[in-house]
Amino acid sequence: MKVSLDQVLQAESALRKLATTSLPAVTAFHVSRLLKEVNEHYRQSKEIEMKLFEKYGVSDGKGNLQVLPVNEQLFKKELVELLAIEVEVSAKALKIEQLESVSLTPAEIFALEPFLEV
């Protein structure tokens, strides 16, 4: 399935929650495979995002990077372009029925939607 990096970033925490939930073995396997792929895309996008902060920002002296106001538009433009990149996730989509025993918030379902088969 193809998903954007933005969708990967949104789904990551919900997938982590599923990974720490007791699930039937087959479902746990599918969640594990999906999380493994999502984590790799998540890690890569965060590395590139950090490079954007380094490119357009300065250190605040406390170890944090702040985007300079003069660079804000360029930073946002590149970040939006980054988040729009589509990546391939080869793991199978989760069937919503597999998650019936899991308590998820509407926000978590929304974040997982690109990875769900309804």
N, C-alpha and C. Protein backbone atom coordinates (compact mmCIF):
# COMPACT_ATOMS: atom_id res chain seq x y z
N MET A 1 0.84 -1.18 0.00
CA MET A 1 0.00 0.00 0.00
C MET A 1 0.89 1.24 0.00
N LYS A 2 0.42 2.29 -0.63
CA LYS A 2 1.14 3.56 -0.64
C LYS A 2 0.50 4.50 0.38
N VAL A 3 1.36 5.10 1.19
CA VAL A 3 0.90 6.07 2.18
C VAL A 3 1.88 7.23 2.19
N SER A 4 1.43 8.38 2.63
CA SER A 4 2.32 9.53 2.73
C SER A 4 3.11 9.46 4.03
N LEU A 5 4.22 10.17 4.06
CA LEU A 5 5.00 10.23 5.31
C LEU A 5 4.18 10.87 6.42
N ASP A 6 3.30 11.79 6.07
CA ASP A 6 2.41 12.40 7.06
C ASP A 6 1.53 11.33 7.71
N GLN A 7 0.99 10.43 6.90
CA GLN A 7 0.17 9.35 7.44
C GLN A 7 0.99 8.40 8.31
N VAL A 8 2.23 8.17 7.92
CA VAL A 8 3.13 7.34 8.72
C VAL A 8 3.34 7.98 10.10
N LEU A 9 3.62 9.29 10.11
CA LEU A 9 3.87 9.98 11.37
C LEU A 9 2.64 9.96 12.27
N GLN A 10 1.46 10.12 11.67
CA GLN A 10 0.23 10.11 12.45
C GLN A 10 -0.08 8.74 13.04
N ALA A 11 0.22 7.69 12.29
CA ALA A 11 -0.14 6.33 12.71
C ALA A 11 0.84 5.71 13.69
N GLU A 12 2.03 6.22 13.75
CA GLU A 12 3.10 5.59 14.53
C GLU A 12 2.71 5.36 16.00
N SER A 13 2.16 6.34 16.67
CA SER A 13 1.85 6.16 18.09
C SER A 13 0.69 5.19 18.30
N ALA A 14 -0.29 5.19 17.40
CA ALA A 14 -1.40 4.24 17.51
C ALA A 14 -0.90 2.81 17.28
N LEU A 15 0.02 2.64 16.34
CA LEU A 15 0.60 1.32 16.11
C LEU A 15 1.42 0.86 17.31
N ARG A 16 2.12 1.78 17.94
CA ARG A 16 2.88 1.43 19.16
C ARG A 16 1.92 0.96 20.26
N LYS A 17 0.78 1.63 20.36
CA LYS A 17 -0.21 1.22 21.36
C LYS A 17 -0.69 -0.21 21.06
N LEU A 18 -0.97 -0.49 19.79
CA LEU A 18 -1.39 -1.84 19.43
C LEU A 18 -0.31 -2.86 19.74
N ALA A 19 0.94 -2.47 19.54
CA ALA A 19 2.06 -3.38 19.78
C ALA A 19 2.22 -3.74 21.25
N THR A 20 1.67 -2.93 22.13
CA THR A 20 1.77 -3.21 23.57
C THR A 20 0.48 -3.79 24.13
N THR A 21 -0.45 -4.10 23.23
CA THR A 21 -1.75 -4.65 23.61
C THR A 21 -1.73 -6.16 23.36
N SER A 22 -2.36 -6.90 24.23
CA SER A 22 -2.47 -8.34 24.03
C SER A 22 -3.44 -8.61 22.88
N LEU A 23 -2.92 -9.27 21.85
CA LEU A 23 -3.71 -9.55 20.65
C LEU A 23 -3.55 -11.01 20.28
N PRO A 24 -4.51 -11.57 19.51
CA PRO A 24 -4.30 -12.92 18.99
C PRO A 24 -3.01 -12.97 18.18
N ALA A 25 -2.39 -14.13 18.11
CA ALA A 25 -1.07 -14.28 17.50
C ALA A 25 -1.01 -13.75 16.07
N VAL A 26 -1.98 -14.08 15.25
CA VAL A 26 -1.95 -13.63 13.84
C VAL A 26 -2.04 -12.12 13.77
N THR A 27 -2.90 -11.53 14.55
CA THR A 27 -3.04 -10.07 14.56
C THR A 27 -1.75 -9.43 15.08
N ALA A 28 -1.19 -9.99 16.14
CA ALA A 28 0.06 -9.46 16.69
C ALA A 28 1.17 -9.51 15.65
N PHE A 29 1.22 -10.58 14.87
CA PHE A 29 2.21 -10.70 13.82
C PHE A 29 2.04 -9.59 12.78
N HIS A 30 0.78 -9.36 12.34
CA HIS A 30 0.52 -8.32 11.34
C HIS A 30 0.85 -6.93 11.88
N VAL A 31 0.51 -6.68 13.13
CA VAL A 31 0.83 -5.39 13.75
C VAL A 31 2.34 -5.22 13.82
N SER A 32 3.05 -6.27 14.20
CA SER A 32 4.50 -6.22 14.30
C SER A 32 5.15 -5.90 12.95
N ARG A 33 4.72 -6.57 11.90
CA ARG A 33 5.27 -6.31 10.55
C ARG A 33 4.98 -4.89 10.12
N LEU A 34 3.75 -4.43 10.36
CA LEU A 34 3.37 -3.08 9.97
C LEU A 34 4.17 -2.05 10.75
N LEU A 35 4.31 -2.25 12.04
CA LEU A 35 5.07 -1.32 12.88
C LEU A 35 6.53 -1.28 12.46
N LYS A 36 7.10 -2.41 12.12
CA LYS A 36 8.50 -2.46 11.69
C LYS A 36 8.72 -1.56 10.47
N GLU A 37 7.84 -1.66 9.48
CA GLU A 37 7.98 -0.83 8.28
C GLU A 37 7.71 0.64 8.57
N VAL A 38 6.66 0.88 9.34
CA VAL A 38 6.31 2.27 9.67
C VAL A 38 7.44 2.91 10.46
N ASN A 39 8.04 2.18 11.39
CA ASN A 39 9.15 2.73 12.18
C ASN A 39 10.32 3.16 11.30
N GLU A 40 10.63 2.38 10.27
CA GLU A 40 11.74 2.73 9.39
C GLU A 40 11.45 4.04 8.64
N HIS A 41 10.24 4.16 8.10
CA HIS A 41 9.87 5.40 7.41
C HIS A 41 9.81 6.58 8.40
N TYR A 42 9.31 6.31 9.60
CA TYR A 42 9.23 7.33 10.64
C TYR A 42 10.63 7.84 10.98
N ARG A 43 11.56 6.91 11.21
CA ARG A 43 12.94 7.27 11.56
C ARG A 43 13.59 8.12 10.46
N GLN A 44 13.43 7.70 9.22
CA GLN A 44 14.02 8.44 8.11
C GLN A 44 13.43 9.84 7.99
N SER A 45 12.11 9.96 8.13
CA SER A 45 11.49 11.28 8.01
C SER A 45 11.92 12.20 9.15
N LYS A 46 12.08 11.64 10.35
CA LYS A 46 12.53 12.46 11.49
C LYS A 46 13.98 12.93 11.30
N GLU A 47 14.82 12.08 10.71
CA GLU A 47 16.20 12.49 10.42
C GLU A 47 16.22 13.65 9.43
N ILE A 48 15.41 13.56 8.40
CA ILE A 48 15.36 14.63 7.40
C ILE A 48 14.77 15.89 8.00
N GLU A 49 13.74 15.74 8.84
CA GLU A 49 13.15 16.89 9.51
C GLU A 49 14.19 17.60 10.38
N MET A 50 15.03 16.83 11.07
CA MET A 50 16.08 17.42 11.89
C MET A 50 17.06 18.20 11.03
N LYS A 51 17.38 17.66 9.85
CA LYS A 51 18.27 18.38 8.93
C LYS A 51 17.65 19.69 8.47
N LEU A 52 16.33 19.70 8.30
CA LEU A 52 15.66 20.96 7.94
C LEU A 52 15.76 21.97 9.08
N PHE A 53 15.60 21.51 10.32
CA PHE A 53 15.77 22.40 11.46
C PHE A 53 17.20 22.96 11.50
N GLU A 54 18.17 22.10 11.23
CA GLU A 54 19.56 22.55 11.23
C GLU A 54 19.81 23.55 10.09
N LYS A 55 19.19 23.32 8.96
CA LYS A 55 19.37 24.18 7.79
C LYS A 55 18.74 25.56 7.99
N TYR A 56 17.56 25.59 8.59
CA TYR A 56 16.80 26.84 8.69
C TYR A 56 16.73 27.42 10.11
N GLY A 57 17.39 26.78 11.05
CA GLY A 57 17.26 27.24 12.42
C GLY A 57 18.57 27.52 13.11
N VAL A 58 18.46 27.87 14.36
CA VAL A 58 19.62 28.10 15.22
C VAL A 58 19.33 27.45 16.57
N SER A 59 20.40 27.15 17.30
CA SER A 59 20.26 26.58 18.62
C SER A 59 19.84 27.67 19.61
N ASP A 60 18.96 27.30 20.53
CA ASP A 60 18.53 28.26 21.56
C ASP A 60 19.44 28.22 22.78
N GLY A 61 20.54 27.46 22.68
CA GLY A 61 21.48 27.36 23.80
C GLY A 61 21.13 26.26 24.78
N LYS A 62 19.95 25.67 24.65
CA LYS A 62 19.51 24.60 25.55
C LYS A 62 19.43 23.27 24.82
N GLY A 63 20.01 23.22 23.63
CA GLY A 63 19.99 21.99 22.85
C GLY A 63 18.81 21.88 21.90
N ASN A 64 17.96 22.90 21.88
CA ASN A 64 16.80 22.91 20.99
C ASN A 64 17.09 23.77 19.78
N LEU A 65 16.55 23.39 18.64
CA LEU A 65 16.69 24.19 17.43
C LEU A 65 15.40 24.95 17.18
N GLN A 66 15.55 26.21 16.86
CA GLN A 66 14.41 27.08 16.55
C GLN A 66 14.56 27.58 15.13
N VAL A 67 13.49 27.50 14.34
CA VAL A 67 13.54 28.04 12.98
C VAL A 67 13.52 29.55 13.06
N LEU A 68 14.43 30.17 12.34
CA LEU A 68 14.48 31.62 12.30
C LEU A 68 13.25 32.15 11.57
N PRO A 69 12.66 33.24 12.07
CA PRO A 69 11.48 33.80 11.40
C PRO A 69 11.70 34.09 9.91
N VAL A 70 12.89 34.53 9.57
CA VAL A 70 13.18 34.84 8.17
C VAL A 70 13.14 33.58 7.29
N ASN A 71 13.37 32.40 7.90
CA ASN A 71 13.40 31.13 7.17
C ASN A 71 12.11 30.31 7.29
N GLU A 72 11.15 30.83 8.03
CA GLU A 72 9.96 30.06 8.35
C GLU A 72 9.21 29.56 7.12
N GLN A 73 9.03 30.40 6.12
CA GLN A 73 8.29 29.99 4.93
C GLN A 73 9.02 28.90 4.16
N LEU A 74 10.34 29.04 4.03
CA LEU A 74 11.13 28.01 3.33
C LEU A 74 11.09 26.69 4.08
N PHE A 75 11.20 26.77 5.41
CA PHE A 75 11.14 25.58 6.24
C PHE A 75 9.80 24.87 6.06
N LYS A 76 8.71 25.62 6.17
CA LYS A 76 7.37 25.04 6.04
C LYS A 76 7.17 24.41 4.68
N LYS A 77 7.65 25.08 3.64
CA LYS A 77 7.50 24.58 2.28
C LYS A 77 8.20 23.22 2.14
N GLU A 78 9.44 23.13 2.61
CA GLU A 78 10.17 21.88 2.50
C GLU A 78 9.57 20.79 3.39
N LEU A 79 9.07 21.16 4.55
CA LEU A 79 8.46 20.19 5.44
C LEU A 79 7.18 19.63 4.83
N VAL A 80 6.36 20.49 4.24
CA VAL A 80 5.13 20.03 3.58
C VAL A 80 5.47 19.10 2.42
N GLU A 81 6.51 19.44 1.67
CA GLU A 81 6.94 18.57 0.56
C GLU A 81 7.40 17.21 1.09
N LEU A 82 8.15 17.22 2.19
CA LEU A 82 8.61 15.98 2.80
C LEU A 82 7.43 15.11 3.23
N LEU A 83 6.48 15.70 3.93
CA LEU A 83 5.35 14.94 4.47
C LEU A 83 4.43 14.41 3.37
N ALA A 84 4.48 15.01 2.20
CA ALA A 84 3.63 14.57 1.09
C ALA A 84 4.23 13.39 0.32
N ILE A 85 5.49 13.07 0.57
CA ILE A 85 6.14 11.97 -0.14
C ILE A 85 5.40 10.67 0.17
N GLU A 86 5.12 9.91 -0.89
CA GLU A 86 4.48 8.62 -0.71
C GLU A 86 5.53 7.53 -0.61
N VAL A 87 5.31 6.62 0.31
CA VAL A 87 6.20 5.49 0.51
C VAL A 87 5.38 4.21 0.40
N GLU A 88 6.06 3.15 0.05
CA GLU A 88 5.41 1.85 -0.08
C GLU A 88 5.54 1.08 1.23
N VAL A 89 4.43 0.56 1.69
CA VAL A 89 4.41 -0.30 2.87
C VAL A 89 3.90 -1.65 2.38
N SER A 90 4.75 -2.66 2.47
CA SER A 90 4.38 -3.97 1.92
C SER A 90 3.60 -4.84 2.90
N ALA A 91 3.61 -4.49 4.17
CA ALA A 91 2.85 -5.27 5.16
C ALA A 91 1.36 -5.19 4.84
N LYS A 92 0.66 -6.26 5.17
CA LYS A 92 -0.77 -6.30 4.92
C LYS A 92 -1.51 -5.30 5.80
N ALA A 93 -2.56 -4.72 5.23
CA ALA A 93 -3.43 -3.84 6.01
C ALA A 93 -4.11 -4.67 7.10
N LEU A 94 -4.38 -4.04 8.21
CA LEU A 94 -5.09 -4.71 9.30
C LEU A 94 -6.58 -4.68 9.02
N LYS A 95 -7.25 -5.77 9.30
CA LYS A 95 -8.71 -5.79 9.16
C LYS A 95 -9.29 -5.23 10.45
N ILE A 96 -10.27 -4.37 10.31
CA ILE A 96 -10.87 -3.72 11.47
C ILE A 96 -11.39 -4.76 12.46
N GLU A 97 -11.85 -5.91 11.95
CA GLU A 97 -12.35 -6.96 12.82
C GLU A 97 -11.24 -7.50 13.74
N GLN A 98 -9.99 -7.43 13.29
CA GLN A 98 -8.87 -7.91 14.11
C GLN A 98 -8.68 -7.06 15.36
N LEU A 99 -9.23 -5.86 15.34
CA LEU A 99 -9.00 -4.92 16.44
C LEU A 99 -10.23 -4.72 17.32
N GLU A 100 -11.23 -5.59 17.16
CA GLU A 100 -12.48 -5.44 17.92
C GLU A 100 -12.26 -5.49 19.43
N SER A 101 -11.27 -6.22 19.88
CA SER A 101 -11.04 -6.36 21.32
C SER A 101 -10.19 -5.22 21.89
N VAL A 102 -9.73 -4.32 21.02
CA VAL A 102 -8.84 -3.25 21.44
C VAL A 102 -9.65 -1.96 21.62
N SER A 103 -9.38 -1.26 22.70
CA SER A 103 -10.03 0.01 22.94
C SER A 103 -9.19 1.12 22.28
N LEU A 104 -9.75 1.71 21.23
CA LEU A 104 -9.06 2.78 20.51
C LEU A 104 -9.92 4.03 20.49
N THR A 105 -9.27 5.17 20.55
CA THR A 105 -10.00 6.43 20.46
C THR A 105 -10.33 6.72 19.00
N PRO A 106 -11.30 7.60 18.74
CA PRO A 106 -11.56 8.00 17.35
C PRO A 106 -10.31 8.58 16.67
N ALA A 107 -9.50 9.31 17.41
CA ALA A 107 -8.27 9.87 16.84
C ALA A 107 -7.30 8.77 16.43
N GLU A 108 -7.21 7.71 17.22
CA GLU A 108 -6.33 6.60 16.87
C GLU A 108 -6.84 5.85 15.64
N ILE A 109 -8.15 5.66 15.56
CA ILE A 109 -8.74 5.02 14.37
C ILE A 109 -8.47 5.88 13.15
N PHE A 110 -8.63 7.18 13.28
CA PHE A 110 -8.36 8.10 12.17
C PHE A 110 -6.91 7.97 11.71
N ALA A 111 -5.99 7.92 12.66
CA ALA A 111 -4.57 7.80 12.33
C ALA A 111 -4.25 6.46 11.67
N LEU A 112 -4.94 5.41 12.08
CA LEU A 112 -4.70 4.07 11.53
C LEU A 112 -5.42 3.81 10.21
N GLU A 113 -6.38 4.66 9.88
CA GLU A 113 -7.23 4.42 8.71
C GLU A 113 -6.51 4.01 7.44
N PRO A 114 -5.39 4.66 7.07
CA PRO A 114 -4.71 4.24 5.84
C PRO A 114 -4.18 2.79 5.90
N PHE A 115 -4.07 2.25 7.10
CA PHE A 115 -3.51 0.93 7.30
C PHE A 115 -4.58 -0.10 7.65
N LEU A 116 -5.85 0.31 7.53
CA LEU A 116 -6.96 -0.57 7.87
C LEU A 116 -7.75 -0.97 6.64
N GLU A 117 -8.22 -2.20 6.68
CA GLU A 117 -9.13 -2.71 5.67
C GLU A 117 -10.47 -2.84 6.36
N VAL A 118 -11.42 -2.07 5.90
CA VAL A 118 -12.73 -2.05 6.58
C VAL A 118 -13.66 -3.09 6.00
